[in-house]
Amino acid sequence: MILIKVLVIAFLLWAGMILGISFLESWIKFRAPLLTKPAGLDVGRTVFNAFHKVQCVWFLLAISLMLSIQMSFNYWILLLSVGAILFIQILWLHPHLKNIIDMIIAEKKPKASSLHTIYVVLELIKLLLLIILGVKLV
């Protein structure tokens, strides 16, 4: 029973971090009047690099807890979907977005891309899945 409570806390804290970093910090920093766009992009790149590592820890913690609790197949589908999204973001989207940031910082104009939109949509789906996992376990 205690492990289920820890798992609920883990899912909801992870979701809260996504809300705070992806949907609050990311948007607000570009409204700071003294922060230049290249500096903001550099900060964002650094924050998301670290945040991806933190999310990997959350994912591994969730897997180990779910193995200990012997969760049902439906929970595993939801968690593995979260993991798949995370690894798509880390292995495919983030490197391409980093390249775009590098170009902007170097004052080059990158080609138009929908990668940022894809990243945000996946982040929203991941957030919703984590909330569903947390709420279902309560």
N, C-alpha and C. Protein backbone atom coordinates (compact mmCIF):
# COMPACT_ATOMS: atom_id res chain seq x y z
N MET A 1 0.82 -1.20 0.00
CA MET A 1 0.00 0.00 0.00
C MET A 1 0.87 1.27 0.00
N ILE A 2 1.95 1.26 0.77
CA ILE A 2 2.82 2.43 0.82
C ILE A 2 3.48 2.68 -0.53
N LEU A 3 3.81 1.60 -1.24
CA LEU A 3 4.44 1.76 -2.55
C LEU A 3 3.49 2.40 -3.55
N ILE A 4 2.22 2.10 -3.44
CA ILE A 4 1.23 2.73 -4.33
C ILE A 4 1.17 4.23 -4.04
N LYS A 5 1.21 4.60 -2.77
CA LYS A 5 1.20 6.02 -2.41
C LYS A 5 2.45 6.72 -2.95
N VAL A 6 3.59 6.06 -2.84
CA VAL A 6 4.83 6.63 -3.38
C VAL A 6 4.72 6.79 -4.89
N LEU A 7 4.13 5.81 -5.55
CA LEU A 7 3.95 5.87 -7.00
C LEU A 7 3.02 7.02 -7.40
N VAL A 8 1.93 7.19 -6.66
CA VAL A 8 1.01 8.31 -6.92
C VAL A 8 1.75 9.63 -6.78
N ILE A 9 2.52 9.77 -5.70
CA ILE A 9 3.29 10.99 -5.48
C ILE A 9 4.28 11.21 -6.62
N ALA A 10 4.95 10.14 -7.04
CA ALA A 10 5.93 10.26 -8.13
C ALA A 10 5.26 10.73 -9.42
N PHE A 11 4.14 10.12 -9.79
CA PHE A 11 3.45 10.52 -11.02
C PHE A 11 2.99 11.98 -10.96
N LEU A 12 2.43 12.37 -9.83
CA LEU A 12 1.89 13.73 -9.74
C LEU A 12 3.00 14.78 -9.60
N LEU A 13 4.09 14.45 -8.91
CA LEU A 13 5.23 15.37 -8.86
C LEU A 13 5.84 15.54 -10.25
N TRP A 14 5.97 14.45 -10.97
CA TRP A 14 6.51 14.50 -12.34
C TRP A 14 5.60 15.38 -13.20
N ALA A 15 4.30 15.17 -13.08
CA ALA A 15 3.35 16.00 -13.85
C ALA A 15 3.49 17.47 -13.45
N GLY A 16 3.66 17.73 -12.16
CA GLY A 16 3.84 19.10 -11.70
C GLY A 16 5.10 19.73 -12.24
N MET A 17 6.16 18.95 -12.34
CA MET A 17 7.40 19.48 -12.92
C MET A 17 7.20 19.84 -14.39
N ILE A 18 6.47 19.02 -15.10
CA ILE A 18 6.18 19.32 -16.51
C ILE A 18 5.39 20.62 -16.61
N LEU A 19 4.39 20.77 -15.75
CA LEU A 19 3.61 22.02 -15.75
C LEU A 19 4.51 23.21 -15.47
N GLY A 20 5.36 23.08 -14.47
CA GLY A 20 6.21 24.19 -14.06
C GLY A 20 7.28 24.56 -15.07
N ILE A 21 7.90 23.55 -15.66
CA ILE A 21 9.01 23.82 -16.57
C ILE A 21 8.51 24.03 -18.01
N SER A 22 7.76 23.09 -18.51
CA SER A 22 7.36 23.15 -19.93
C SER A 22 6.28 24.19 -20.20
N PHE A 23 5.36 24.35 -19.26
CA PHE A 23 4.22 25.20 -19.55
C PHE A 23 4.20 26.50 -18.74
N LEU A 24 5.21 26.74 -17.93
CA LEU A 24 5.27 28.00 -17.20
C LEU A 24 6.61 28.70 -17.44
N GLU A 25 7.68 28.07 -17.02
CA GLU A 25 9.01 28.68 -17.16
C GLU A 25 9.34 28.99 -18.61
N SER A 26 9.05 28.05 -19.48
CA SER A 26 9.40 28.23 -20.90
C SER A 26 8.73 29.44 -21.52
N TRP A 27 7.49 29.69 -21.14
CA TRP A 27 6.74 30.79 -21.73
C TRP A 27 7.10 32.12 -21.07
N ILE A 28 7.28 32.09 -19.76
CA ILE A 28 7.51 33.33 -19.02
C ILE A 28 8.88 33.93 -19.33
N LYS A 29 9.89 33.11 -19.50
CA LYS A 29 11.24 33.67 -19.68
C LYS A 29 11.33 34.58 -20.91
N PHE A 30 10.53 34.33 -21.92
CA PHE A 30 10.59 35.17 -23.11
C PHE A 30 9.81 36.47 -22.96
N ARG A 31 9.16 36.63 -21.82
CA ARG A 31 8.49 37.89 -21.52
C ARG A 31 9.36 38.80 -20.64
N ALA A 32 10.49 38.29 -20.19
CA ALA A 32 11.41 39.10 -19.38
C ALA A 32 12.07 40.13 -20.28
N PRO A 33 11.87 41.40 -20.01
CA PRO A 33 12.33 42.45 -20.93
C PRO A 33 13.85 42.51 -21.11
N LEU A 34 14.63 42.10 -20.12
CA LEU A 34 16.08 42.20 -20.23
C LEU A 34 16.75 40.94 -20.76
N LEU A 35 15.97 39.88 -20.93
CA LEU A 35 16.53 38.61 -21.41
C LEU A 35 16.44 38.56 -22.93
N THR A 36 17.59 38.50 -23.58
CA THR A 36 17.59 38.45 -25.04
C THR A 36 17.11 37.08 -25.51
N LYS A 37 16.65 37.02 -26.75
CA LYS A 37 16.17 35.75 -27.29
C LYS A 37 17.27 34.69 -27.30
N PRO A 38 18.50 34.99 -27.75
CA PRO A 38 19.55 33.97 -27.69
C PRO A 38 19.84 33.49 -26.26
N ALA A 39 19.84 34.42 -25.30
CA ALA A 39 20.08 34.01 -23.91
C ALA A 39 18.93 33.13 -23.40
N GLY A 40 17.71 33.49 -23.72
CA GLY A 40 16.55 32.69 -23.33
C GLY A 40 16.59 31.30 -23.93
N LEU A 41 16.97 31.23 -25.20
CA LEU A 41 17.07 29.92 -25.86
C LEU A 41 18.18 29.08 -25.24
N ASP A 42 19.29 29.72 -24.89
CA ASP A 42 20.39 29.00 -24.25
C ASP A 42 19.97 28.48 -22.88
N VAL A 43 19.27 29.30 -22.11
CA VAL A 43 18.76 28.87 -20.81
C VAL A 43 17.79 27.71 -21.00
N GLY A 44 16.88 27.83 -21.94
CA GLY A 44 15.91 26.77 -22.19
C GLY A 44 16.57 25.47 -22.59
N ARG A 45 17.56 25.56 -23.44
CA ARG A 45 18.28 24.36 -23.87
C ARG A 45 18.93 23.68 -22.67
N THR A 46 19.52 24.48 -21.78
CA THR A 46 20.19 23.94 -20.59
C THR A 46 19.17 23.33 -19.62
N VAL A 47 18.06 24.03 -19.41
CA VAL A 47 17.02 23.55 -18.51
C VAL A 47 16.45 22.23 -19.02
N PHE A 48 16.12 22.16 -20.30
CA PHE A 48 15.52 20.93 -20.83
C PHE A 48 16.51 19.78 -20.88
N ASN A 49 17.76 20.07 -21.08
CA ASN A 49 18.79 19.02 -21.03
C ASN A 49 18.79 18.38 -19.64
N ALA A 50 18.79 19.21 -18.60
CA ALA A 50 18.75 18.70 -17.23
C ALA A 50 17.41 18.03 -16.92
N PHE A 51 16.33 18.65 -17.39
CA PHE A 51 14.99 18.11 -17.10
C PHE A 51 14.80 16.73 -17.72
N HIS A 52 15.35 16.51 -18.89
CA HIS A 52 15.25 15.18 -19.50
C HIS A 52 15.92 14.13 -18.62
N LYS A 53 17.04 14.47 -18.02
CA LYS A 53 17.72 13.52 -17.11
C LYS A 53 16.86 13.24 -15.88
N VAL A 54 16.27 14.28 -15.33
CA VAL A 54 15.39 14.11 -14.17
C VAL A 54 14.20 13.23 -14.54
N GLN A 55 13.63 13.44 -15.72
CA GLN A 55 12.49 12.64 -16.14
C GLN A 55 12.87 11.17 -16.34
N CYS A 56 14.08 10.92 -16.77
CA CYS A 56 14.55 9.52 -16.90
C CYS A 56 14.60 8.87 -15.52
N VAL A 57 15.01 9.62 -14.51
CA VAL A 57 15.03 9.09 -13.14
C VAL A 57 13.60 8.79 -12.68
N TRP A 58 12.68 9.72 -12.94
CA TRP A 58 11.27 9.48 -12.58
C TRP A 58 10.76 8.22 -13.27
N PHE A 59 11.10 8.06 -14.55
CA PHE A 59 10.63 6.90 -15.32
C PHE A 59 11.18 5.61 -14.72
N LEU A 60 12.47 5.59 -14.41
CA LEU A 60 13.07 4.38 -13.83
C LEU A 60 12.49 4.09 -12.44
N LEU A 61 12.25 5.13 -11.66
CA LEU A 61 11.61 4.95 -10.35
C LEU A 61 10.22 4.35 -10.52
N ALA A 62 9.46 4.88 -11.46
CA ALA A 62 8.09 4.38 -11.69
C ALA A 62 8.12 2.91 -12.13
N ILE A 63 9.06 2.57 -13.00
CA ILE A 63 9.16 1.17 -13.43
C ILE A 63 9.48 0.27 -12.25
N SER A 64 10.45 0.67 -11.44
CA SER A 64 10.83 -0.19 -10.32
C SER A 64 9.68 -0.33 -9.31
N LEU A 65 8.96 0.76 -9.06
CA LEU A 65 7.81 0.68 -8.15
C LEU A 65 6.70 -0.20 -8.74
N MET A 66 6.44 -0.04 -10.01
CA MET A 66 5.38 -0.83 -10.64
C MET A 66 5.74 -2.31 -10.66
N LEU A 67 7.01 -2.63 -10.83
CA LEU A 67 7.44 -4.03 -10.76
C LEU A 67 7.25 -4.59 -9.35
N SER A 68 7.54 -3.77 -8.36
CA SER A 68 7.39 -4.20 -6.96
C SER A 68 5.92 -4.42 -6.59
N ILE A 69 5.06 -3.60 -7.16
CA ILE A 69 3.63 -3.67 -6.84
C ILE A 69 2.92 -4.70 -7.71
N GLN A 70 3.51 -5.05 -8.83
CA GLN A 70 2.90 -5.94 -9.82
C GLN A 70 1.59 -5.34 -10.35
N MET A 71 1.76 -4.20 -11.02
CA MET A 71 0.62 -3.47 -11.55
C MET A 71 0.00 -4.18 -12.75
N SER A 72 -1.25 -3.85 -13.03
CA SER A 72 -1.97 -4.46 -14.14
C SER A 72 -1.44 -3.95 -15.49
N PHE A 73 -1.80 -4.65 -16.52
CA PHE A 73 -1.35 -4.37 -17.89
C PHE A 73 -1.72 -2.96 -18.32
N ASN A 74 -2.89 -2.47 -17.96
CA ASN A 74 -3.34 -1.13 -18.37
C ASN A 74 -2.41 -0.04 -17.84
N TYR A 75 -1.95 -0.19 -16.61
CA TYR A 75 -1.01 0.78 -16.05
C TYR A 75 0.32 0.74 -16.80
N TRP A 76 0.73 -0.46 -17.16
CA TRP A 76 1.99 -0.59 -17.90
C TRP A 76 1.90 0.07 -19.27
N ILE A 77 0.76 -0.07 -19.94
CA ILE A 77 0.57 0.57 -21.24
C ILE A 77 0.71 2.08 -21.10
N LEU A 78 0.07 2.64 -20.07
CA LEU A 78 0.15 4.08 -19.85
C LEU A 78 1.58 4.53 -19.55
N LEU A 79 2.26 3.81 -18.65
CA LEU A 79 3.63 4.19 -18.30
C LEU A 79 4.58 4.02 -19.48
N LEU A 80 4.44 2.94 -20.22
CA LEU A 80 5.32 2.75 -21.38
C LEU A 80 5.04 3.77 -22.47
N SER A 81 3.81 4.26 -22.55
CA SER A 81 3.51 5.35 -23.48
C SER A 81 4.23 6.63 -23.05
N VAL A 82 4.23 6.90 -21.75
CA VAL A 82 4.98 8.04 -21.22
C VAL A 82 6.46 7.88 -21.56
N GLY A 83 6.99 6.69 -21.35
CA GLY A 83 8.40 6.43 -21.66
C GLY A 83 8.71 6.59 -23.13
N ALA A 84 7.82 6.12 -23.98
CA ALA A 84 8.04 6.26 -25.42
C ALA A 84 8.08 7.73 -25.83
N ILE A 85 7.16 8.51 -25.28
CA ILE A 85 7.14 9.95 -25.57
C ILE A 85 8.43 10.59 -25.09
N LEU A 86 8.85 10.26 -23.87
CA LEU A 86 10.08 10.83 -23.32
C LEU A 86 11.28 10.52 -24.20
N PHE A 87 11.38 9.29 -24.66
CA PHE A 87 12.54 8.93 -25.46
C PHE A 87 12.47 9.49 -26.88
N ILE A 88 11.28 9.68 -27.42
CA ILE A 88 11.15 10.39 -28.70
C ILE A 88 11.64 11.82 -28.53
N GLN A 89 11.24 12.44 -27.42
CA GLN A 89 11.67 13.81 -27.16
C GLN A 89 13.19 13.90 -27.00
N ILE A 90 13.75 12.97 -26.23
CA ILE A 90 15.19 13.01 -25.94
C ILE A 90 16.03 12.64 -27.15
N LEU A 91 15.66 11.57 -27.83
CA LEU A 91 16.52 11.03 -28.89
C LEU A 91 16.28 11.64 -30.26
N TRP A 92 15.09 12.17 -30.52
CA TRP A 92 14.81 12.71 -31.85
C TRP A 92 14.57 14.22 -31.82
N LEU A 93 13.60 14.66 -31.02
CA LEU A 93 13.21 16.06 -31.08
C LEU A 93 14.24 17.01 -30.47
N HIS A 94 14.71 16.70 -29.27
CA HIS A 94 15.62 17.62 -28.58
C HIS A 94 16.90 17.88 -29.39
N PRO A 95 17.54 16.86 -29.97
CA PRO A 95 18.74 17.17 -30.77
C PRO A 95 18.45 18.10 -31.95
N HIS A 96 17.31 17.90 -32.62
CA HIS A 96 16.96 18.78 -33.74
C HIS A 96 16.64 20.19 -33.26
N LEU A 97 15.94 20.28 -32.14
CA LEU A 97 15.64 21.61 -31.59
C LEU A 97 16.91 22.31 -31.12
N LYS A 98 17.86 21.54 -30.57
CA LYS A 98 19.14 22.13 -30.18
C LYS A 98 19.86 22.71 -31.40
N ASN A 99 19.81 22.01 -32.52
CA ASN A 99 20.43 22.52 -33.76
C ASN A 99 19.78 23.82 -34.21
N ILE A 100 18.47 23.89 -34.11
CA ILE A 100 17.76 25.11 -34.48
C ILE A 100 18.18 26.26 -33.56
N ILE A 101 18.28 25.97 -32.26
CA ILE A 101 18.73 26.99 -31.30
C ILE A 101 20.14 27.45 -31.63
N ASP A 102 21.02 26.50 -31.93
CA ASP A 102 22.40 26.86 -32.30
C ASP A 102 22.42 27.80 -33.49
N MET A 103 21.57 27.54 -34.47
CA MET A 103 21.50 28.41 -35.66
C MET A 103 21.02 29.81 -35.29
N ILE A 104 19.99 29.88 -34.45
CA ILE A 104 19.46 31.19 -34.05
C ILE A 104 20.51 31.96 -33.26
N ILE A 105 21.20 31.29 -32.35
CA ILE A 105 22.24 31.95 -31.57
C ILE A 105 23.36 32.44 -32.47
N ALA A 106 23.66 31.68 -33.52
CA ALA A 106 24.69 32.08 -34.48
C ALA A 106 24.16 33.09 -35.49
N GLU A 107 22.94 33.59 -35.26
CA GLU A 107 22.29 34.59 -36.11
C GLU A 107 22.06 34.11 -37.54
N LYS A 108 21.81 32.82 -37.67
CA LYS A 108 21.40 32.24 -38.95
C LYS A 108 19.90 31.97 -38.86
N LYS A 109 19.26 31.95 -40.01
CA LYS A 109 17.82 31.72 -40.04
C LYS A 109 17.55 30.24 -40.36
N PRO A 110 17.02 29.49 -39.39
CA PRO A 110 16.70 28.08 -39.67
C PRO A 110 15.46 27.96 -40.54
N LYS A 111 15.34 26.82 -41.20
CA LYS A 111 14.14 26.54 -41.99
C LYS A 111 12.93 26.45 -41.05
N ALA A 112 11.78 26.78 -41.58
CA ALA A 112 10.55 26.62 -40.81
C ALA A 112 10.38 25.15 -40.44
N SER A 113 9.93 24.92 -39.22
CA SER A 113 9.82 23.55 -38.73
C SER A 113 8.64 23.43 -37.78
N SER A 114 8.04 22.26 -37.77
CA SER A 114 6.94 22.00 -36.83
C SER A 114 7.42 21.19 -35.63
N LEU A 115 8.74 21.02 -35.49
CA LEU A 115 9.27 20.19 -34.42
C LEU A 115 8.90 20.71 -33.03
N HIS A 116 8.92 22.01 -32.85
CA HIS A 116 8.57 22.56 -31.54
C HIS A 116 7.10 22.27 -31.22
N THR A 117 6.23 22.39 -32.19
CA THR A 117 4.82 22.08 -31.98
C THR A 117 4.63 20.61 -31.63
N ILE A 118 5.35 19.74 -32.33
CA ILE A 118 5.28 18.30 -32.03
C ILE A 118 5.75 18.05 -30.59
N TYR A 119 6.84 18.71 -30.20
CA TYR A 119 7.36 18.55 -28.84
C TYR A 119 6.31 18.96 -27.81
N VAL A 120 5.67 20.10 -28.02
CA VAL A 120 4.66 20.61 -27.08
C VAL A 120 3.47 19.67 -27.02
N VAL A 121 3.00 19.17 -28.15
CA VAL A 121 1.86 18.24 -28.16
C VAL A 121 2.22 16.97 -27.40
N LEU A 122 3.42 16.44 -27.64
CA LEU A 122 3.85 15.24 -26.92
C LEU A 122 3.98 15.52 -25.42
N GLU A 123 4.45 16.71 -25.08
CA GLU A 123 4.57 17.09 -23.66
C GLU A 123 3.19 17.14 -23.01
N LEU A 124 2.22 17.65 -23.72
CA LEU A 124 0.85 17.71 -23.20
C LEU A 124 0.28 16.30 -23.02
N ILE A 125 0.50 15.43 -23.98
CA ILE A 125 0.03 14.04 -23.87
C ILE A 125 0.70 13.35 -22.69
N LYS A 126 2.01 13.55 -22.55
CA LYS A 126 2.75 12.95 -21.43
C LYS A 126 2.19 13.45 -20.10
N LEU A 127 1.93 14.74 -20.01
CA LEU A 127 1.35 15.33 -18.80
C LEU A 127 0.01 14.68 -18.48
N LEU A 128 -0.86 14.56 -19.47
CA LEU A 128 -2.18 13.97 -19.25
C LEU A 128 -2.07 12.51 -18.83
N LEU A 129 -1.16 11.75 -19.44
CA LEU A 129 -0.97 10.35 -19.07
C LEU A 129 -0.51 10.22 -17.62
N LEU A 130 0.40 11.10 -17.20
CA LEU A 130 0.88 11.05 -15.82
C LEU A 130 -0.23 11.39 -14.83
N ILE A 131 -1.05 12.36 -15.18
CA ILE A 131 -2.19 12.71 -14.31
C ILE A 131 -3.17 11.55 -14.23
N ILE A 132 -3.45 10.94 -15.37
CA ILE A 132 -4.35 9.77 -15.39
C ILE A 132 -3.78 8.66 -14.53
N LEU A 133 -2.48 8.38 -14.66
CA LEU A 133 -1.87 7.33 -13.84
C LEU A 133 -2.00 7.65 -12.35
N GLY A 134 -1.70 8.88 -11.97
CA GLY A 134 -1.78 9.27 -10.57
C GLY A 134 -3.20 9.19 -10.03
N VAL A 135 -4.15 9.70 -10.80
CA VAL A 135 -5.54 9.73 -10.35
C VAL A 135 -6.13 8.32 -10.29
N LYS A 136 -5.82 7.49 -11.28
CA LYS A 136 -6.35 6.12 -11.29
C LYS A 136 -5.87 5.32 -10.09
N LEU A 137 -4.63 5.61 -9.65
CA LEU A 137 -4.09 4.87 -8.51
C LEU A 137 -4.66 5.33 -7.18
N VAL A 138 -5.20 6.56 -7.15
CA VAL A 138 -5.80 7.05 -5.91
C VAL A 138 -7.10 6.28 -5.68
